[in-house]
Amino acid sequence: MSEILTNTSGTPFCWAQTAQYDSARTGIAKTHNLNLASLAANAARQADKADLGDHRPGGYVVKAAVRMVATPTAGGPIEYYWSSSPVAGLNTANTGGVSVSGYDAAWNPGGAAEADIDEWKQQLSFVGVLPVAADGEIDQVKVINSYFTPPERYGQFIIKNDASTAVSASVSGVYVALIPVIDEI
């Protein structure tokens, strides 16, 4: 009898805002901090650095949710990037330059001008895009990458809001998650 390779989903890593996030709405428990509340158009934010483990799956599904404060232009992108590192230390060996700190904060490379963000994001691993619908104050959810392989054990998300409006201040359903894809025979 031949064996069949299947896969299952492991326990997700989830970045969300501490005070407002409601896992009952999303079905995913928060594990790391990421405060996207009121993230302005053309601005970027970095999440807490995570340890994905010494022995980890080869890939992850990346699922994201965002809520815009007002009606944005349809298709405006929320861009997701990954800053990887071989070490756990904050401010140490992170891709994306010295402005990648390892903790939840604004990401301001080179003084935070949009041109600087667009320049420095090229040193990060591109993960995916959530193109927003022309609807404000509604959670917009999408699998932005069906199989992402982080290049190193440690890392964090960096999100750039390239949509035409800010992210809502109400972020109870806003998150980004790495959902492990575990192969089984």
N, C-alpha and C. Protein backbone atom coordinates (compact mmCIF):
# COMPACT_ATOMS: atom_id res chain seq x y z
N MET A 1 0.84 -1.18 0.00
CA MET A 1 0.00 0.00 0.00
C MET A 1 0.89 1.24 0.00
N SER A 2 0.60 2.19 -0.85
CA SER A 2 1.42 3.40 -0.90
C SER A 2 0.99 4.37 0.20
N GLU A 3 1.97 5.14 0.64
CA GLU A 3 1.70 6.12 1.68
C GLU A 3 1.37 7.46 1.04
N ILE A 4 0.52 8.21 1.70
CA ILE A 4 0.08 9.50 1.18
C ILE A 4 0.63 10.59 2.09
N LEU A 5 1.23 11.60 1.48
CA LEU A 5 1.71 12.76 2.22
C LEU A 5 0.55 13.73 2.39
N THR A 6 0.26 14.08 3.61
CA THR A 6 -0.78 15.06 3.90
C THR A 6 -0.16 16.17 4.74
N ASN A 7 -0.89 17.23 4.94
CA ASN A 7 -0.40 18.25 5.85
C ASN A 7 -1.51 18.72 6.76
N THR A 8 -1.09 19.17 7.92
CA THR A 8 -2.01 19.72 8.91
C THR A 8 -1.51 21.11 9.30
N SER A 9 -2.36 21.85 9.95
CA SER A 9 -1.98 23.17 10.43
C SER A 9 -1.54 23.07 11.88
N GLY A 10 -0.39 23.68 12.17
CA GLY A 10 0.11 23.73 13.54
C GLY A 10 -0.45 24.94 14.28
N THR A 11 0.04 25.16 15.48
CA THR A 11 -0.39 26.29 16.30
C THR A 11 0.18 27.59 15.71
N PRO A 12 -0.68 28.55 15.38
CA PRO A 12 -0.22 29.78 14.74
C PRO A 12 0.60 30.69 15.66
N PHE A 13 1.48 31.44 15.03
CA PHE A 13 2.08 32.62 15.65
C PHE A 13 1.21 33.78 15.17
N CYS A 14 0.78 34.64 16.09
CA CYS A 14 -0.14 35.71 15.71
C CYS A 14 0.30 37.03 16.32
N TRP A 15 0.43 38.04 15.47
CA TRP A 15 0.80 39.38 15.90
C TRP A 15 -0.45 40.25 15.85
N ALA A 16 -0.74 40.93 16.97
CA ALA A 16 -1.92 41.79 17.05
C ALA A 16 -1.72 42.80 18.17
N GLN A 17 -2.63 43.76 18.25
CA GLN A 17 -2.56 44.79 19.27
C GLN A 17 -3.03 44.23 20.61
N THR A 18 -2.26 44.46 21.65
CA THR A 18 -2.50 43.85 22.96
C THR A 18 -3.84 44.22 23.57
N ALA A 19 -4.17 45.50 23.65
CA ALA A 19 -5.35 45.95 24.40
C ALA A 19 -6.67 45.61 23.71
N GLN A 20 -6.72 45.60 22.38
CA GLN A 20 -8.00 45.46 21.69
C GLN A 20 -8.25 44.10 21.04
N TYR A 21 -7.21 43.37 20.72
CA TYR A 21 -7.38 42.15 19.91
C TYR A 21 -8.35 41.18 20.57
N ASP A 22 -9.26 40.62 19.78
CA ASP A 22 -10.28 39.70 20.26
C ASP A 22 -10.15 38.37 19.51
N SER A 23 -9.49 37.40 20.12
CA SER A 23 -9.28 36.11 19.46
C SER A 23 -10.59 35.37 19.22
N ALA A 24 -11.65 35.69 19.96
CA ALA A 24 -12.95 35.05 19.71
C ALA A 24 -13.49 35.45 18.34
N ARG A 25 -13.12 36.63 17.85
CA ARG A 25 -13.56 37.08 16.51
C ARG A 25 -12.77 36.41 15.39
N THR A 26 -11.52 36.07 15.68
CA THR A 26 -10.64 35.59 14.62
C THR A 26 -10.35 34.09 14.69
N GLY A 27 -10.48 33.52 15.88
CA GLY A 27 -10.16 32.11 16.06
C GLY A 27 -8.68 31.83 16.22
N ILE A 28 -7.87 32.86 16.35
CA ILE A 28 -6.42 32.72 16.47
C ILE A 28 -5.95 33.48 17.71
N ALA A 29 -5.23 32.80 18.59
CA ALA A 29 -4.73 33.43 19.82
C ALA A 29 -3.51 34.31 19.51
N LYS A 30 -3.45 35.48 20.12
CA LYS A 30 -2.32 36.40 19.94
C LYS A 30 -1.10 35.86 20.69
N THR A 31 0.05 35.89 20.01
CA THR A 31 1.30 35.46 20.64
C THR A 31 2.34 36.58 20.70
N HIS A 32 2.21 37.60 19.85
CA HIS A 32 3.19 38.68 19.77
C HIS A 32 2.49 40.01 19.52
N ASN A 33 3.16 41.08 19.86
CA ASN A 33 2.57 42.41 19.73
C ASN A 33 2.80 43.03 18.35
N LEU A 34 1.75 43.67 17.86
CA LEU A 34 1.79 44.48 16.65
C LEU A 34 0.61 45.44 16.71
N ASN A 35 0.88 46.72 16.88
CA ASN A 35 -0.17 47.71 16.99
C ASN A 35 -0.30 48.48 15.68
N LEU A 36 -1.26 48.10 14.86
CA LEU A 36 -1.49 48.79 13.60
C LEU A 36 -2.55 49.89 13.72
N ALA A 37 -3.06 50.14 14.93
CA ALA A 37 -4.10 51.15 15.13
C ALA A 37 -3.63 52.51 14.59
N SER A 38 -4.44 53.08 13.72
CA SER A 38 -4.22 54.41 13.16
C SER A 38 -2.94 54.54 12.33
N LEU A 39 -2.42 53.41 11.81
CA LEU A 39 -1.24 53.48 10.95
C LEU A 39 -1.58 54.32 9.72
N ALA A 40 -0.90 55.44 9.56
CA ALA A 40 -1.20 56.38 8.49
C ALA A 40 -0.87 55.81 7.12
N ALA A 41 -1.51 56.36 6.10
CA ALA A 41 -1.16 56.01 4.73
C ALA A 41 0.31 56.35 4.50
N ASN A 42 1.02 55.48 3.80
CA ASN A 42 2.43 55.64 3.45
C ASN A 42 3.37 55.50 4.65
N ALA A 43 2.88 54.98 5.77
CA ALA A 43 3.73 54.74 6.94
C ALA A 43 3.92 53.24 7.12
N ALA A 44 4.89 52.88 7.96
CA ALA A 44 5.18 51.46 8.19
C ALA A 44 5.36 51.19 9.68
N ARG A 45 5.10 49.95 10.06
CA ARG A 45 5.22 49.53 11.46
C ARG A 45 5.88 48.16 11.51
N GLN A 46 6.71 47.96 12.54
CA GLN A 46 7.36 46.67 12.76
C GLN A 46 6.74 45.98 13.97
N ALA A 47 6.73 44.66 13.93
CA ALA A 47 6.15 43.84 14.99
C ALA A 47 7.24 43.35 15.94
N ASP A 48 6.82 42.73 17.03
CA ASP A 48 7.77 42.07 17.93
C ASP A 48 8.50 40.95 17.19
N LYS A 49 9.74 40.72 17.55
CA LYS A 49 10.54 39.64 16.99
C LYS A 49 10.07 38.32 17.61
N ALA A 50 10.04 37.27 16.79
CA ALA A 50 9.57 35.96 17.24
C ALA A 50 10.65 34.91 17.06
N ASP A 51 10.58 33.90 17.90
CA ASP A 51 11.43 32.71 17.78
C ASP A 51 10.56 31.61 17.20
N LEU A 52 10.83 31.23 15.95
CA LEU A 52 10.02 30.21 15.29
C LEU A 52 10.45 28.80 15.67
N GLY A 53 11.52 28.68 16.42
CA GLY A 53 11.96 27.37 16.91
C GLY A 53 13.14 26.82 16.13
N ASP A 54 13.93 26.02 16.83
CA ASP A 54 15.09 25.39 16.21
C ASP A 54 14.64 24.37 15.16
N HIS A 55 13.63 23.57 15.49
CA HIS A 55 13.04 22.61 14.55
C HIS A 55 11.66 23.14 14.21
N ARG A 56 11.50 23.59 12.98
CA ARG A 56 10.24 24.23 12.58
C ARG A 56 9.80 23.70 11.23
N PRO A 57 8.54 23.90 10.89
CA PRO A 57 8.05 23.46 9.58
C PRO A 57 8.77 24.19 8.45
N GLY A 58 8.73 23.60 7.28
CA GLY A 58 9.35 24.23 6.12
C GLY A 58 8.60 25.44 5.62
N GLY A 59 7.31 25.54 5.94
CA GLY A 59 6.54 26.66 5.45
C GLY A 59 5.35 27.00 6.32
N TYR A 60 4.81 28.18 6.06
CA TYR A 60 3.68 28.71 6.83
C TYR A 60 2.69 29.36 5.88
N VAL A 61 1.41 29.22 6.18
CA VAL A 61 0.38 30.02 5.54
C VAL A 61 0.41 31.37 6.26
N VAL A 62 0.32 32.47 5.51
CA VAL A 62 0.29 33.79 6.12
C VAL A 62 -1.09 34.38 5.89
N LYS A 63 -1.78 34.65 6.99
CA LYS A 63 -3.14 35.19 6.93
C LYS A 63 -3.13 36.55 7.62
N ALA A 64 -3.79 37.52 7.01
CA ALA A 64 -3.78 38.87 7.57
C ALA A 64 -5.18 39.46 7.54
N ALA A 65 -5.42 40.37 8.47
CA ALA A 65 -6.68 41.11 8.53
C ALA A 65 -6.38 42.56 8.85
N VAL A 66 -7.12 43.45 8.21
CA VAL A 66 -6.94 44.87 8.44
C VAL A 66 -8.31 45.55 8.41
N ARG A 67 -8.40 46.71 9.02
CA ARG A 67 -9.64 47.51 9.03
C ARG A 67 -9.22 48.96 8.78
N MET A 68 -9.78 49.56 7.75
CA MET A 68 -9.42 50.93 7.41
C MET A 68 -10.39 51.91 8.07
N VAL A 69 -9.91 53.12 8.40
CA VAL A 69 -10.70 54.10 9.12
C VAL A 69 -11.80 54.71 8.24
N ALA A 70 -11.53 54.88 6.98
CA ALA A 70 -12.50 55.50 6.05
C ALA A 70 -12.49 54.69 4.77
N THR A 71 -13.34 55.07 3.85
CA THR A 71 -13.42 54.33 2.59
C THR A 71 -12.15 54.57 1.77
N PRO A 72 -11.31 53.55 1.64
CA PRO A 72 -10.08 53.71 0.85
C PRO A 72 -10.36 53.47 -0.63
N THR A 73 -9.40 53.80 -1.44
CA THR A 73 -9.47 53.46 -2.86
C THR A 73 -9.37 51.95 -2.99
N ALA A 74 -10.28 51.33 -3.71
CA ALA A 74 -10.29 49.88 -3.88
C ALA A 74 -8.96 49.41 -4.47
N GLY A 75 -8.42 48.36 -3.89
CA GLY A 75 -7.17 47.78 -4.38
C GLY A 75 -5.92 48.37 -3.77
N GLY A 76 -6.08 49.41 -2.96
CA GLY A 76 -4.90 49.99 -2.29
C GLY A 76 -4.20 48.93 -1.46
N PRO A 77 -2.88 48.82 -1.59
CA PRO A 77 -2.17 47.71 -0.95
C PRO A 77 -1.73 47.97 0.50
N ILE A 78 -1.91 46.95 1.32
CA ILE A 78 -1.23 46.85 2.59
C ILE A 78 -0.14 45.81 2.34
N GLU A 79 1.12 46.21 2.44
CA GLU A 79 2.25 45.34 2.09
C GLU A 79 2.84 44.70 3.34
N TYR A 80 3.15 43.40 3.24
CA TYR A 80 3.70 42.64 4.36
C TYR A 80 5.08 42.13 3.99
N TYR A 81 6.05 42.41 4.88
CA TYR A 81 7.43 41.99 4.70
C TYR A 81 7.90 41.25 5.94
N TRP A 82 9.01 40.50 5.80
CA TRP A 82 9.59 39.74 6.91
C TRP A 82 11.04 40.17 7.07
N SER A 83 11.40 40.52 8.29
CA SER A 83 12.79 40.80 8.65
C SER A 83 13.31 39.59 9.40
N SER A 84 14.30 38.92 8.83
CA SER A 84 14.83 37.71 9.47
C SER A 84 16.12 38.00 10.21
N SER A 85 16.47 37.07 11.12
CA SER A 85 17.68 37.22 11.92
C SER A 85 18.14 35.85 12.41
N PRO A 86 19.46 35.65 12.51
CA PRO A 86 19.97 34.39 13.05
C PRO A 86 20.01 34.36 14.58
N VAL A 87 19.71 35.51 15.22
CA VAL A 87 19.82 35.60 16.68
C VAL A 87 18.56 36.20 17.29
N ALA A 88 18.35 35.92 18.58
CA ALA A 88 17.16 36.38 19.28
C ALA A 88 17.26 37.84 19.73
N GLY A 89 18.45 38.36 19.89
CA GLY A 89 18.62 39.69 20.46
C GLY A 89 17.93 40.79 19.67
N LEU A 90 17.36 41.73 20.42
CA LEU A 90 16.76 42.91 19.80
C LEU A 90 17.87 43.76 19.18
N ASN A 91 17.56 44.47 18.13
CA ASN A 91 18.51 45.34 17.45
C ASN A 91 19.76 44.61 16.97
N THR A 92 19.64 43.30 16.72
CA THR A 92 20.82 42.51 16.35
C THR A 92 20.56 41.69 15.09
N ALA A 93 21.36 41.95 14.07
CA ALA A 93 21.41 41.13 12.85
C ALA A 93 20.07 41.00 12.14
N ASN A 94 19.22 42.01 12.23
CA ASN A 94 17.93 41.98 11.54
C ASN A 94 18.09 42.52 10.12
N THR A 95 17.48 41.84 9.14
CA THR A 95 17.49 42.39 7.79
C THR A 95 16.61 43.64 7.76
N GLY A 96 16.95 44.56 6.89
CA GLY A 96 16.17 45.78 6.77
C GLY A 96 16.81 46.99 7.42
N GLY A 97 18.04 46.86 7.89
CA GLY A 97 18.74 48.01 8.44
C GLY A 97 18.61 48.17 9.93
N VAL A 98 19.34 49.14 10.46
CA VAL A 98 19.41 49.35 11.91
C VAL A 98 18.09 49.83 12.50
N SER A 99 17.17 50.31 11.68
CA SER A 99 15.89 50.77 12.21
C SER A 99 14.96 49.61 12.57
N VAL A 100 15.33 48.37 12.19
CA VAL A 100 14.54 47.20 12.59
C VAL A 100 15.00 46.82 14.00
N SER A 101 14.13 47.07 14.97
CA SER A 101 14.53 46.97 16.38
C SER A 101 14.25 45.61 17.02
N GLY A 102 13.24 44.90 16.54
CA GLY A 102 12.86 43.65 17.18
C GLY A 102 11.68 43.80 18.12
N TYR A 103 11.15 45.01 18.26
CA TYR A 103 9.96 45.19 19.09
C TYR A 103 8.93 46.04 18.34
N ASP A 104 7.67 45.96 18.79
CA ASP A 104 6.55 46.65 18.17
C ASP A 104 6.77 48.16 18.24
N ALA A 105 6.94 48.78 17.06
CA ALA A 105 7.20 50.22 17.00
C ALA A 105 7.04 50.69 15.56
N ALA A 106 7.00 52.01 15.40
CA ALA A 106 7.01 52.57 14.04
C ALA A 106 8.31 52.14 13.36
N TRP A 107 8.25 51.91 12.06
CA TRP A 107 9.46 51.57 11.31
C TRP A 107 9.83 52.80 10.50
N ASN A 108 10.92 53.44 10.89
CA ASN A 108 11.33 54.72 10.32
C ASN A 108 12.74 54.67 9.75
N PRO A 109 12.96 53.91 8.71
CA PRO A 109 14.31 53.87 8.14
C PRO A 109 14.67 55.19 7.46
N GLY A 110 15.86 55.67 7.72
CA GLY A 110 16.34 56.86 7.03
C GLY A 110 15.52 58.10 7.25
N GLY A 111 14.81 58.19 8.35
CA GLY A 111 14.03 59.38 8.65
C GLY A 111 12.55 59.28 8.35
N ALA A 112 12.09 58.13 7.87
CA ALA A 112 10.68 57.81 7.71
C ALA A 112 9.99 58.43 6.51
N ALA A 113 10.72 59.09 5.63
CA ALA A 113 10.07 59.56 4.41
C ALA A 113 9.63 58.34 3.61
N GLU A 114 8.52 58.46 2.87
CA GLU A 114 8.03 57.31 2.13
C GLU A 114 9.10 56.75 1.19
N ALA A 115 9.91 57.64 0.60
CA ALA A 115 10.97 57.18 -0.30
C ALA A 115 11.98 56.31 0.46
N ASP A 116 12.26 56.65 1.71
CA ASP A 116 13.18 55.84 2.52
C ASP A 116 12.59 54.48 2.84
N ILE A 117 11.30 54.44 3.18
CA ILE A 117 10.63 53.17 3.46
C ILE A 117 10.68 52.29 2.21
N ASP A 118 10.36 52.88 1.06
CA ASP A 118 10.37 52.10 -0.18
C ASP A 118 11.77 51.63 -0.55
N GLU A 119 12.79 52.37 -0.18
CA GLU A 119 14.17 51.96 -0.43
C GLU A 119 14.57 50.82 0.50
N TRP A 120 14.34 50.99 1.78
CA TRP A 120 14.81 50.01 2.78
C TRP A 120 14.01 48.72 2.78
N LYS A 121 12.74 48.76 2.36
CA LYS A 121 11.95 47.52 2.34
C LYS A 121 12.52 46.51 1.36
N GLN A 122 13.35 46.95 0.42
CA GLN A 122 13.96 46.05 -0.54
C GLN A 122 14.94 45.08 0.14
N GLN A 123 15.37 45.37 1.36
CA GLN A 123 16.26 44.49 2.10
C GLN A 123 15.50 43.45 2.93
N LEU A 124 14.19 43.49 2.86
CA LEU A 124 13.34 42.55 3.60
C LEU A 124 12.84 41.46 2.65
N SER A 125 12.29 40.38 3.21
CA SER A 125 11.67 39.34 2.40
C SER A 125 10.21 39.72 2.17
N PHE A 126 9.81 39.82 0.91
CA PHE A 126 8.42 40.13 0.60
C PHE A 126 7.55 38.93 0.94
N VAL A 127 6.46 39.17 1.65
CA VAL A 127 5.55 38.10 2.05
C VAL A 127 4.27 38.13 1.22
N GLY A 128 3.64 39.29 1.11
CA GLY A 128 2.39 39.37 0.37
C GLY A 128 1.73 40.72 0.50
N VAL A 129 0.57 40.83 -0.14
CA VAL A 129 -0.21 42.08 -0.16
C VAL A 129 -1.66 41.77 0.15
N LEU A 130 -2.27 42.63 0.96
CA LEU A 130 -3.71 42.58 1.17
C LEU A 130 -4.27 43.82 0.45
N PRO A 131 -4.88 43.64 -0.73
CA PRO A 131 -5.48 44.79 -1.42
C PRO A 131 -6.82 45.11 -0.77
N VAL A 132 -6.97 46.31 -0.25
CA VAL A 132 -8.17 46.64 0.50
C VAL A 132 -9.36 46.89 -0.42
N ALA A 133 -10.54 46.59 0.10
CA ALA A 133 -11.79 46.91 -0.58
C ALA A 133 -12.17 48.35 -0.24
N ALA A 134 -13.04 48.94 -1.01
CA ALA A 134 -13.47 50.33 -0.79
C ALA A 134 -14.52 50.39 0.32
N ASP A 135 -14.16 49.88 1.48
CA ASP A 135 -15.06 49.86 2.63
C ASP A 135 -14.28 50.22 3.89
N GLY A 136 -14.77 51.20 4.63
CA GLY A 136 -14.16 51.58 5.89
C GLY A 136 -14.82 50.88 7.05
N GLU A 137 -14.07 50.70 8.13
CA GLU A 137 -14.55 50.11 9.38
C GLU A 137 -15.15 48.73 9.22
N ILE A 138 -14.60 47.92 8.32
CA ILE A 138 -14.97 46.52 8.14
C ILE A 138 -13.68 45.70 8.11
N ASP A 139 -13.65 44.61 8.88
CA ASP A 139 -12.46 43.73 8.85
C ASP A 139 -12.33 43.12 7.47
N GLN A 140 -11.14 43.23 6.90
CA GLN A 140 -10.84 42.65 5.59
C GLN A 140 -9.76 41.59 5.80
N VAL A 141 -10.07 40.34 5.48
CA VAL A 141 -9.22 39.20 5.80
C VAL A 141 -8.80 38.49 4.52
N LYS A 142 -7.52 38.08 4.46
CA LYS A 142 -7.03 37.39 3.26
C LYS A 142 -5.83 36.52 3.62
N VAL A 143 -5.74 35.35 2.98
CA VAL A 143 -4.49 34.59 2.99
C VAL A 143 -3.59 35.30 1.98
N ILE A 144 -2.53 35.94 2.47
CA ILE A 144 -1.67 36.73 1.58
C ILE A 144 -0.52 35.91 1.01
N ASN A 145 -0.29 34.73 1.57
CA ASN A 145 0.74 33.83 1.04
C ASN A 145 0.39 32.42 1.49
N SER A 146 0.24 31.51 0.55
CA SER A 146 -0.18 30.15 0.91
C SER A 146 0.98 29.26 1.34
N TYR A 147 2.24 29.70 1.11
CA TYR A 147 3.38 28.92 1.58
C TYR A 147 4.61 29.82 1.64
N PHE A 148 4.88 30.37 2.81
CA PHE A 148 6.01 31.26 3.04
C PHE A 148 7.05 30.53 3.87
N THR A 149 8.31 30.61 3.45
CA THR A 149 9.40 29.97 4.18
C THR A 149 10.32 31.03 4.76
N PRO A 150 10.23 31.29 6.07
CA PRO A 150 11.15 32.24 6.69
C PRO A 150 12.59 31.72 6.58
N PRO A 151 13.55 32.56 6.18
CA PRO A 151 14.90 32.07 5.93
C PRO A 151 15.72 31.78 7.19
N GLU A 152 15.32 32.32 8.34
CA GLU A 152 16.08 32.11 9.57
C GLU A 152 15.13 31.87 10.73
N ARG A 153 15.69 31.43 11.85
CA ARG A 153 14.89 31.04 13.02
C ARG A 153 14.10 32.20 13.62
N TYR A 154 14.66 33.39 13.62
CA TYR A 154 14.02 34.54 14.26
C TYR A 154 13.56 35.53 13.20
N GLY A 155 12.52 36.27 13.52
CA GLY A 155 12.07 37.28 12.59
C GLY A 155 10.84 38.02 13.07
N GLN A 156 10.45 38.99 12.26
CA GLN A 156 9.31 39.83 12.59
C GLN A 156 8.72 40.40 11.31
N PHE A 157 7.44 40.75 11.39
CA PHE A 157 6.77 41.38 10.27
C PHE A 157 7.03 42.88 10.26
N ILE A 158 7.07 43.43 9.06
CA ILE A 158 7.04 44.88 8.85
C ILE A 158 5.92 45.11 7.84
N ILE A 159 5.01 46.00 8.21
CA ILE A 159 3.83 46.25 7.39
C ILE A 159 3.85 47.69 6.92
N LYS A 160 3.65 47.89 5.62
CA LYS A 160 3.56 49.24 5.06
C LYS A 160 2.13 49.47 4.56
N ASN A 161 1.54 50.56 5.00
CA ASN A 161 0.21 50.95 4.55
C ASN A 161 0.36 51.82 3.31
N ASP A 162 0.13 51.22 2.15
CA ASP A 162 0.18 51.97 0.89
C ASP A 162 -1.23 52.25 0.37
N ALA A 163 -2.23 52.03 1.23
CA ALA A 163 -3.61 52.37 0.87
C ALA A 163 -3.81 53.88 1.02
N SER A 164 -4.94 54.37 0.59
CA SER A 164 -5.18 55.82 0.55
C SER A 164 -5.66 56.41 1.88
N THR A 165 -5.95 55.55 2.88
CA THR A 165 -6.40 56.04 4.18
C THR A 165 -5.66 55.30 5.28
N ALA A 166 -5.82 55.79 6.49
CA ALA A 166 -5.18 55.17 7.65
C ALA A 166 -5.91 53.90 8.07
N VAL A 167 -5.22 53.06 8.81
CA VAL A 167 -5.84 51.91 9.45
C VAL A 167 -6.71 52.45 10.59
N SER A 168 -7.81 51.80 10.85
CA SER A 168 -8.73 52.22 11.91
C SER A 168 -8.07 52.19 13.28
N ALA A 169 -8.59 53.00 14.20
CA ALA A 169 -8.15 52.94 15.59
C ALA A 169 -8.78 51.74 16.30
N SER A 170 -9.84 51.18 15.71
CA SER A 170 -10.51 50.00 16.26
C SER A 170 -9.92 48.76 15.58
N VAL A 171 -9.04 48.05 16.30
CA VAL A 171 -8.29 46.96 15.68
C VAL A 171 -8.51 45.61 16.37
N SER A 172 -9.71 45.39 16.88
CA SER A 172 -9.96 44.13 17.60
C SER A 172 -9.87 42.91 16.70
N GLY A 173 -10.05 43.09 15.39
CA GLY A 173 -9.96 41.96 14.46
C GLY A 173 -8.78 42.06 13.51
N VAL A 174 -7.81 42.94 13.81
CA VAL A 174 -6.66 43.17 12.95
C VAL A 174 -5.47 42.35 13.44
N TYR A 175 -4.87 41.59 12.52
CA TYR A 175 -3.74 40.72 12.89
C TYR A 175 -2.99 40.28 11.65
N VAL A 176 -1.84 39.64 11.88
CA VAL A 176 -1.15 38.87 10.86
C VAL A 176 -0.67 37.60 11.55
N ALA A 177 -0.86 36.46 10.88
CA ALA A 177 -0.54 35.18 11.50
C ALA A 177 0.30 34.30 10.58
N LEU A 178 1.25 33.60 11.18
CA LEU A 178 1.99 32.53 10.51
C LEU A 178 1.37 31.23 11.00
N ILE A 179 0.80 30.46 10.09
CA ILE A 179 0.15 29.20 10.45
C ILE A 179 1.01 28.06 9.91
N PRO A 180 1.67 27.30 10.80
CA PRO A 180 2.59 26.25 10.34
C PRO A 180 1.89 25.20 9.47
N VAL A 181 2.56 24.81 8.38
CA VAL A 181 2.10 23.72 7.52
C VAL A 181 2.98 22.52 7.87
N ILE A 182 2.38 21.51 8.50
CA ILE A 182 3.14 20.34 8.98
C ILE A 182 2.85 19.15 8.08
N ASP A 183 3.90 18.64 7.43
CA ASP A 183 3.76 17.48 6.55
C ASP A 183 3.71 16.21 7.37
N GLU A 184 2.81 15.30 7.00
CA GLU A 184 2.68 14.00 7.68
C GLU A 184 2.52 12.90 6.65
N ILE A 185 3.00 11.72 7.00
CA ILE A 185 2.81 10.55 6.13
C ILE A 185 1.82 9.62 6.80
